[in-house]
Amino acid sequence: MADSGTGRRTKVERVLETYGLEEWGDRLEAEWLGEGGERTSLRDLAAELNRAIVRAALENARGSVVSSDVESAYRTLVSGDAPESDRIRKRRELERAGVDVDSLASDVVSHQAIHTYLRRVRDAEFERDQGDRLERKSETVQRLASRTRAVTDTTVEELVNAGLVTDRDYDVVVDLRVVCNDCGRDYGVGELFERGGCDCS
């Protein structure tokens, strides 16, 4: 689908233009929709695009670059996997090479930013197609939780009747939570599905 070009520009639109990566618009949409193959997740798309942004920034400063330089800069500045000492060292190295590290860091995109771009700008329709699937999956999890609660309630009652558990007024609570290991925030399963995942950067 063609870009709509209407309304306020999204971050992804601006970044693609800034780094001369306009052709990525078609690529992001095609990979997300799985055109001609397997779908690519929003997180993986963000990683791919951020590597392309890093490459473009290095090329603008240095000219030609090799893939190992791109990966090193991406790992230390973007992915968050590198120790603080490595990030400081890489930052100084890039600044000496003429890279505006602060601008580069602010131009890194999240998977949520890509989702906004695909839906709002390119009007990609995958989410509509998957709406029923999300609802079905949510209902499946809720049924499992209800089943677990019912089985546990029955088991407690049986053990009370057998004298193996003290006779008290018990309530069984099944609270399924999903924790994002990137930021530590936790969500109810239904909330996570409705939000399309955690939006931490």
C-alpha atoms as a PDB file:
ATOM      1  CA  MET A   1       0.000   0.000   0.000  1.00  0.00           C
ATOM      2  CA  ALA A   2       1.134   3.525  -0.646  1.00  0.00           C
ATOM      3  CA  ASP A   3       1.921   5.966   2.128  1.00  0.00           C
ATOM      4  CA  SER A   4      -1.049   8.099   3.057  1.00  0.00           C
ATOM      5  CA  GLY A   5       1.007  11.259   3.471  1.00  0.00           C
ATOM      6  CA  THR A   6      -1.721  12.859   5.603  1.00  0.00           C
ATOM      7  CA  GLY A   7      -1.691  14.280   9.109  1.00  0.00           C
ATOM      8  CA  ARG A   8       1.233  14.690  11.455  1.00  0.00           C
ATOM      9  CA  ARG A   9       4.296  12.706  10.486  1.00  0.00           C
ATOM     10  CA  THR A  10       5.180   9.715  12.626  1.00  0.00           C
ATOM     11  CA  LYS A  11       8.671   9.172  13.999  1.00  0.00           C
ATOM     12  CA  VAL A  12       9.319   6.356  11.542  1.00  0.00           C
ATOM     13  CA  GLU A  13       8.401   8.580   8.590  1.00  0.00           C
ATOM     14  CA  ARG A  14      10.794  11.262   9.788  1.00  0.00           C
ATOM     15  CA  VAL A  15      13.625   8.820  10.455  1.00  0.00           C
ATOM     16  CA  LEU A  16      13.273   7.107   7.081  1.00  0.00           C
ATOM     17  CA  GLU A  17      13.549  10.479   5.348  1.00  0.00           C
ATOM     18  CA  THR A  18      16.410  11.711   7.550  1.00  0.00           C
ATOM     19  CA  TYR A  19      18.577   8.680   6.793  1.00  0.00           C
ATOM     20  CA  GLY A  20      17.547   8.187   3.185  1.00  0.00           C
ATOM     21  CA  LEU A  21      15.772   4.925   3.956  1.00  0.00           C
ATOM     22  CA  GLU A  22      12.448   5.636   2.255  1.00  0.00           C
ATOM     23  CA  GLU A  23      12.496   2.247   0.537  1.00  0.00           C
ATOM     24  CA  TRP A  24      12.134   0.652   3.955  1.00  0.00           C
ATOM     25  CA  GLY A  25       8.484   1.663   4.050  1.00  0.00           C
ATOM     26  CA  ASP A  26       7.553  -1.038   1.543  1.00  0.00           C
ATOM     27  CA  ARG A  27       9.889  -3.517   3.216  1.00  0.00           C
ATOM     28  CA  LEU A  28       8.451  -3.015   6.691  1.00  0.00           C
ATOM     29  CA  GLU A  29       4.912  -3.470   5.448  1.00  0.00           C
ATOM     30  CA  ALA A  30       5.704  -6.532   3.344  1.00  0.00           C
ATOM     31  CA  GLU A  31       7.619  -8.278   6.111  1.00  0.00           C
ATOM     32  CA  TRP A  32       5.001  -7.520   8.748  1.00  0.00           C
ATOM     33  CA  LEU A  33       2.209  -8.856   6.559  1.00  0.00           C
ATOM     34  CA  GLY A  34       4.297 -11.876   5.582  1.00  0.00           C
ATOM     35  CA  GLU A  35       4.036 -11.232   1.876  1.00  0.00           C
ATOM     36  CA  GLY A  36       5.818 -14.044   0.095  1.00  0.00           C
ATOM     37  CA  GLY A  37       6.914 -15.842   3.256  1.00  0.00           C
ATOM     38  CA  GLU A  38       6.930 -15.872   7.042  1.00  0.00           C
ATOM     39  CA  ARG A  39       5.779 -12.806   8.953  1.00  0.00           C
ATOM     40  CA  THR A  40       8.400 -10.760  10.794  1.00  0.00           C
ATOM     41  CA  SER A  41       7.512  -9.567  14.298  1.00  0.00           C
ATOM     42  CA  LEU A  42       7.434  -5.862  15.141  1.00  0.00           C
ATOM     43  CA  ARG A  43      10.388  -6.312  17.512  1.00  0.00           C
ATOM     44  CA  ASP A  44      12.475  -7.960  14.794  1.00  0.00           C
ATOM     45  CA  LEU A  45      11.470  -5.229  12.331  1.00  0.00           C
ATOM     46  CA  ALA A  46      12.591  -2.600  14.832  1.00  0.00           C
ATOM     47  CA  ALA A  47      15.955  -4.351  15.217  1.00  0.00           C
ATOM     48  CA  GLU A  48      16.398  -4.543  11.428  1.00  0.00           C
ATOM     49  CA  LEU A  49      15.506  -0.902  10.899  1.00  0.00           C
ATOM     50  CA  ASN A  50      17.668   0.296  13.776  1.00  0.00           C
ATOM     51  CA  ARG A  51      20.653  -1.527  12.289  1.00  0.00           C
ATOM     52  CA  ALA A  52      19.943   0.218   8.981  1.00  0.00           C
ATOM     53  CA  ILE A  53      19.776   3.565  10.803  1.00  0.00           C
ATOM     54  CA  VAL A  54      23.118   2.894  12.489  1.00  0.00           C
ATOM     55  CA  ARG A  55      24.654   1.913   9.140  1.00  0.00           C
ATOM     56  CA  ALA A  56      23.372   5.089   7.498  1.00  0.00           C
ATOM     57  CA  ALA A  57      24.719   7.243  10.335  1.00  0.00           C
ATOM     58  CA  LEU A  58      28.147   5.609  10.081  1.00  0.00           C
ATOM     59  CA  GLU A  59      28.199   5.926   6.301  1.00  0.00           C
ATOM     60  CA  ASN A  60      27.286   9.604   6.518  1.00  0.00           C
ATOM     61  CA  ALA A  61      30.218  10.156   8.870  1.00  0.00           C
ATOM     62  CA  ARG A  62      32.836   7.767   7.516  1.00  0.00           C
ATOM     63  CA  GLY A  63      31.826   6.859   4.011  1.00  0.00           C
ATOM     64  CA  SER A  64      31.904   3.103   3.573  1.00  0.00           C
ATOM     65  CA  VAL A  65      31.562   0.819   6.602  1.00  0.00           C
ATOM     66  CA  VAL A  66      31.744  -2.906   7.220  1.00  0.00           C
ATOM     67  CA  SER A  67      29.014  -4.997   8.802  1.00  0.00           C
ATOM     68  CA  SER A  68      31.074  -5.684  11.935  1.00  0.00           C
ATOM     69  CA  ASP A  69      31.249  -1.930  12.638  1.00  0.00           C
ATOM     70  CA  VAL A  70      27.494  -1.641  12.279  1.00  0.00           C
ATOM     71  CA  GLU A  71      26.834  -4.591  14.565  1.00  0.00           C
ATOM     72  CA  SER A  72      29.288  -3.326  17.170  1.00  0.00           C
ATOM     73  CA  ALA A  73      27.687   0.114  17.231  1.00  0.00           C
ATOM     74  CA  TYR A  74      24.201  -1.378  17.310  1.00  0.00           C
ATOM     75  CA  ARG A  75      25.026  -3.769  20.155  1.00  0.00           C
ATOM     76  CA  THR A  76      26.675  -1.139  22.332  1.00  0.00           C
ATOM     77  CA  LEU A  77      24.383   1.830  21.671  1.00  0.00           C
ATOM     78  CA  VAL A  78      20.988   0.398  20.775  1.00  0.00           C
ATOM     79  CA  SER A  79      20.376  -3.125  22.020  1.00  0.00           C
ATOM     80  CA  GLY A  80      21.349  -2.421  25.631  1.00  0.00           C
ATOM     81  CA  ASP A  81      23.312  -5.682  25.874  1.00  0.00           C
ATOM     82  CA  ALA A  82      26.721  -4.078  26.344  1.00  0.00           C
ATOM     83  CA  PRO A  83      28.312  -3.004  29.649  1.00  0.00           C
ATOM     84  CA  GLU A  84      28.310   0.713  30.446  1.00  0.00           C
ATOM     85  CA  SER A  85      32.084   0.941  29.923  1.00  0.00           C
ATOM     86  CA  ASP A  86      31.717  -0.418  26.387  1.00  0.00           C
ATOM     87  CA  ARG A  87      28.935   2.049  25.622  1.00  0.00           C
ATOM     88  CA  ILE A  88      31.049   4.982  26.787  1.00  0.00           C
ATOM     89  CA  ARG A  89      34.029   3.783  24.755  1.00  0.00           C
ATOM     90  CA  LYS A  90      31.936   3.265  21.619  1.00  0.00           C
ATOM     91  CA  ARG A  91      30.251   6.630  22.059  1.00  0.00           C
ATOM     92  CA  ARG A  92      33.619   8.421  22.179  1.00  0.00           C
ATOM     93  CA  GLU A  93      34.863   6.457  19.177  1.00  0.00           C
ATOM     94  CA  LEU A  94      31.833   7.401  17.106  1.00  0.00           C
ATOM     95  CA  GLU A  95      31.938  11.034  18.176  1.00  0.00           C
ATOM     96  CA  ARG A  96      35.579  11.223  17.056  1.00  0.00           C
ATOM     97  CA  ALA A  97      34.455   9.817  13.705  1.00  0.00           C
ATOM     98  CA  GLY A  98      31.884  12.587  13.353  1.00  0.00           C
ATOM     99  CA  VAL A  99      28.737  10.715  14.360  1.00  0.00           C
ATOM    100  CA  ASP A 100      26.130  12.723  16.279  1.00  0.00           C
ATOM    101  CA  VAL A 101      25.503  10.037  18.887  1.00  0.00           C
ATOM    102  CA  ASP A 102      22.750  11.939  20.684  1.00  0.00           C
ATOM    103  CA  SER A 103      20.781  12.356  17.454  1.00  0.00           C
ATOM    104  CA  LEU A 104      21.367   8.730  16.547  1.00  0.00           C
ATOM    105  CA  ALA A 105      20.125   7.577  19.953  1.00  0.00           C
ATOM    106  CA  SER A 106      16.979   9.721  19.666  1.00  0.00           C
ATOM    107  CA  ASP A 107      16.281   8.374  16.166  1.00  0.00           C
ATOM    108  CA  VAL A 108      16.232   4.731  17.254  1.00  0.00           C
ATOM    109  CA  VAL A 109      12.697   3.410  16.798  1.00  0.00           C
ATOM    110  CA  SER A 110      10.649   1.099  18.993  1.00  0.00           C
ATOM    111  CA  HIS A 111       8.404  -1.722  17.820  1.00  0.00           C
ATOM    112  CA  GLN A 112       5.432   0.390  18.888  1.00  0.00           C
ATOM    113  CA  ALA A 113       6.600   3.241  16.645  1.00  0.00           C
ATOM    114  CA  ILE A 114       6.741   0.840  13.718  1.00  0.00           C
ATOM    115  CA  HIS A 115       3.282  -0.456  14.562  1.00  0.00           C
ATOM    116  CA  THR A 116       1.934   3.114  14.565  1.00  0.00           C
ATOM    117  CA  TYR A 117       3.605   3.805  11.218  1.00  0.00           C
ATOM    118  CA  LEU A 118       2.260   0.654   9.585  1.00  0.00           C
ATOM    119  CA  ARG A 119      -1.285   1.198  10.790  1.00  0.00           C
ATOM    120  CA  ARG A 120      -1.624   4.972  10.579  1.00  0.00           C
ATOM    121  CA  VAL A 121       0.545   5.815   7.586  1.00  0.00           C
ATOM    122  CA  ARG A 122       0.476   2.718   5.421  1.00  0.00           C
ATOM    123  CA  ASP A 123      -2.965   1.510   6.527  1.00  0.00           C
ATOM    124  CA  ALA A 124      -1.632  -2.045   6.832  1.00  0.00           C
ATOM    125  CA  GLU A 125      -4.544  -4.335   7.656  1.00  0.00           C
ATOM    126  CA  PHE A 126      -2.922  -7.264   9.408  1.00  0.00           C
ATOM    127  CA  GLU A 127      -4.192  -6.188  12.819  1.00  0.00           C
ATOM    128  CA  ARG A 128      -7.779  -6.195  11.595  1.00  0.00           C
ATOM    129  CA  ASP A 129      -7.362  -9.703  10.309  1.00  0.00           C
ATOM    130  CA  GLN A 130      -5.863 -10.771  13.616  1.00  0.00           C
ATOM    131  CA  GLY A 131      -8.415  -9.065  15.863  1.00  0.00           C
ATOM    132  CA  ASP A 132     -10.557 -12.188  16.083  1.00  0.00           C
ATOM    133  CA  ARG A 133      -7.483 -14.287  16.776  1.00  0.00           C
ATOM    134  CA  LEU A 134      -6.488 -12.094  19.716  1.00  0.00           C
ATOM    135  CA  GLU A 135     -10.006 -12.340  21.105  1.00  0.00           C
ATOM    136  CA  ARG A 136     -10.049 -16.108  20.689  1.00  0.00           C
ATOM    137  CA  LYS A 137      -6.686 -16.508  22.396  1.00  0.00           C
ATOM    138  CA  SER A 138      -7.766 -14.283  25.261  1.00  0.00           C
ATOM    139  CA  GLU A 139     -10.921 -16.334  25.716  1.00  0.00           C
ATOM    140  CA  THR A 140      -8.871 -19.551  25.655  1.00  0.00           C
ATOM    141  CA  VAL A 141      -6.610 -18.307  28.443  1.00  0.00           C
ATOM    142  CA  GLN A 142      -9.594 -17.122  30.497  1.00  0.00           C
ATOM    143  CA  ARG A 143     -11.284 -20.512  30.112  1.00  0.00           C
ATOM    144  CA  LEU A 144      -8.125 -22.233  31.295  1.00  0.00           C
ATOM    145  CA  ALA A 145      -7.959 -19.902  34.296  1.00  0.00           C
ATOM    146  CA  SER A 146     -11.609 -20.605  35.109  1.00  0.00           C
ATOM    147  CA  ARG A 147     -11.003 -24.326  34.774  1.00  0.00           C
ATOM    148  CA  THR A 148      -7.967 -24.120  37.055  1.00  0.00           C
ATOM    149  CA  ARG A 149      -9.989 -22.210  39.638  1.00  0.00           C
ATOM    150  CA  ALA A 150     -12.850 -24.738  39.504  1.00  0.00           C
ATOM    151  CA  VAL A 151     -10.541 -27.747  39.794  1.00  0.00           C
ATOM    152  CA  THR A 152      -8.645 -26.150  42.679  1.00  0.00           C
ATOM    153  CA  ASP A 153     -11.878 -25.247  44.474  1.00  0.00           C
ATOM    154  CA  THR A 154     -13.145 -28.818  44.150  1.00  0.00           C
ATOM    155  CA  THR A 155      -9.813 -30.222  45.326  1.00  0.00           C
ATOM    156  CA  VAL A 156      -9.756 -27.981  48.400  1.00  0.00           C
ATOM    157  CA  GLU A 157     -13.318 -29.020  49.260  1.00  0.00           C
ATOM    158  CA  GLU A 158     -12.441 -32.700  48.913  1.00  0.00           C
ATOM    159  CA  LEU A 159      -9.389 -32.335  51.157  1.00  0.00           C
ATOM    160  CA  VAL A 160     -11.415 -30.435  53.752  1.00  0.00           C
ATOM    161  CA  ASN A 161     -14.039 -33.189  53.745  1.00  0.00           C
ATOM    162  CA  ALA A 162     -11.277 -35.788  54.151  1.00  0.00           C
ATOM    163  CA  GLY A 163      -9.873 -33.929  57.148  1.00  0.00           C
ATOM    164  CA  LEU A 164      -6.564 -33.270  55.430  1.00  0.00           C
ATOM    165  CA  VAL A 165      -7.078 -29.495  55.272  1.00  0.00           C
ATOM    166  CA  THR A 166      -8.545 -27.367  58.066  1.00  0.00           C
ATOM    167  CA  ASP A 167     -12.199 -26.487  57.544  1.00  0.00           C
ATOM    168  CA  ARG A 168     -12.221 -22.787  56.743  1.00  0.00           C
ATOM    169  CA  ASP A 169     -13.997 -20.481  54.277  1.00  0.00           C
ATOM    170  CA  TYR A 170     -11.567 -20.516  51.332  1.00  0.00           C
ATOM    171  CA  ASP A 171     -11.650 -18.517  48.113  1.00  0.00           C
ATOM    172  CA  VAL A 172      -9.550 -19.661  45.161  1.00  0.00           C
ATOM    173  CA  VAL A 173      -7.952 -16.795  43.227  1.00  0.00           C
ATOM    174  CA  VAL A 174      -6.269 -17.355  39.859  1.00  0.00           C
ATOM    175  CA  ASP A 175      -4.531 -14.180  38.704  1.00  0.00           C
ATOM    176  CA  LEU A 176      -2.577 -14.722  35.501  1.00  0.00           C
ATOM    177  CA  ARG A 177       0.046 -12.031  34.992  1.00  0.00           C
ATOM    178  CA  VAL A 178       2.621 -11.541  32.247  1.00  0.00           C
ATOM    179  CA  VAL A 179       5.855  -9.776  33.204  1.00  0.00           C
ATOM    180  CA  CYS A 180       7.966  -7.891  30.646  1.00  0.00           C
ATOM    181  CA  ASN A 181      11.565  -8.800  31.435  1.00  0.00           C
ATOM    182  CA  ASP A 182      12.800  -5.666  29.616  1.00  0.00           C
ATOM    183  CA  CYS A 183      11.170  -3.177  32.003  1.00  0.00           C
ATOM    184  CA  GLY A 184       9.706  -5.279  34.829  1.00  0.00           C
ATOM    185  CA  ARG A 185       6.139  -4.145  34.261  1.00  0.00           C
ATOM    186  CA  ASP A 186       3.402  -6.740  34.639  1.00  0.00           C
ATOM    187  CA  TYR A 187       0.059  -7.032  32.888  1.00  0.00           C
ATOM    188  CA  GLY A 188      -3.073  -9.079  33.064  1.00  0.00           C
ATOM    189  CA  VAL A 189      -3.210 -11.400  30.080  1.00  0.00           C
ATOM    190  CA  GLY A 190      -6.225  -9.661  28.547  1.00  0.00           C
ATOM    191  CA  GLU A 191      -4.647  -6.237  29.019  1.00  0.00           C
ATOM    192  CA  LEU A 192      -1.414  -7.366  27.369  1.00  0.00           C
ATOM    193  CA  PHE A 193      -3.307  -8.676  24.354  1.00  0.00           C
ATOM    194  CA  GLU A 194      -5.375  -5.508  24.033  1.00  0.00           C
ATOM    195  CA  ARG A 195      -2.267  -3.315  24.191  1.00  0.00           C
ATOM    196  CA  GLY A 196      -0.439  -5.398  21.608  1.00  0.00           C
ATOM    197  CA  GLY A 197       2.379  -6.079  24.079  1.00  0.00           C
ATOM    198  CA  CYS A 198       4.467  -3.931  26.383  1.00  0.00           C
ATOM    199  CA  ASP A 199       5.290  -0.496  24.974  1.00  0.00           C
ATOM    200  CA  CYS A 200       8.551   0.037  26.860  1.00  0.00           C
ATOM    201  CA  SER A 201      11.442   1.208  24.710  1.00  0.00           C
END
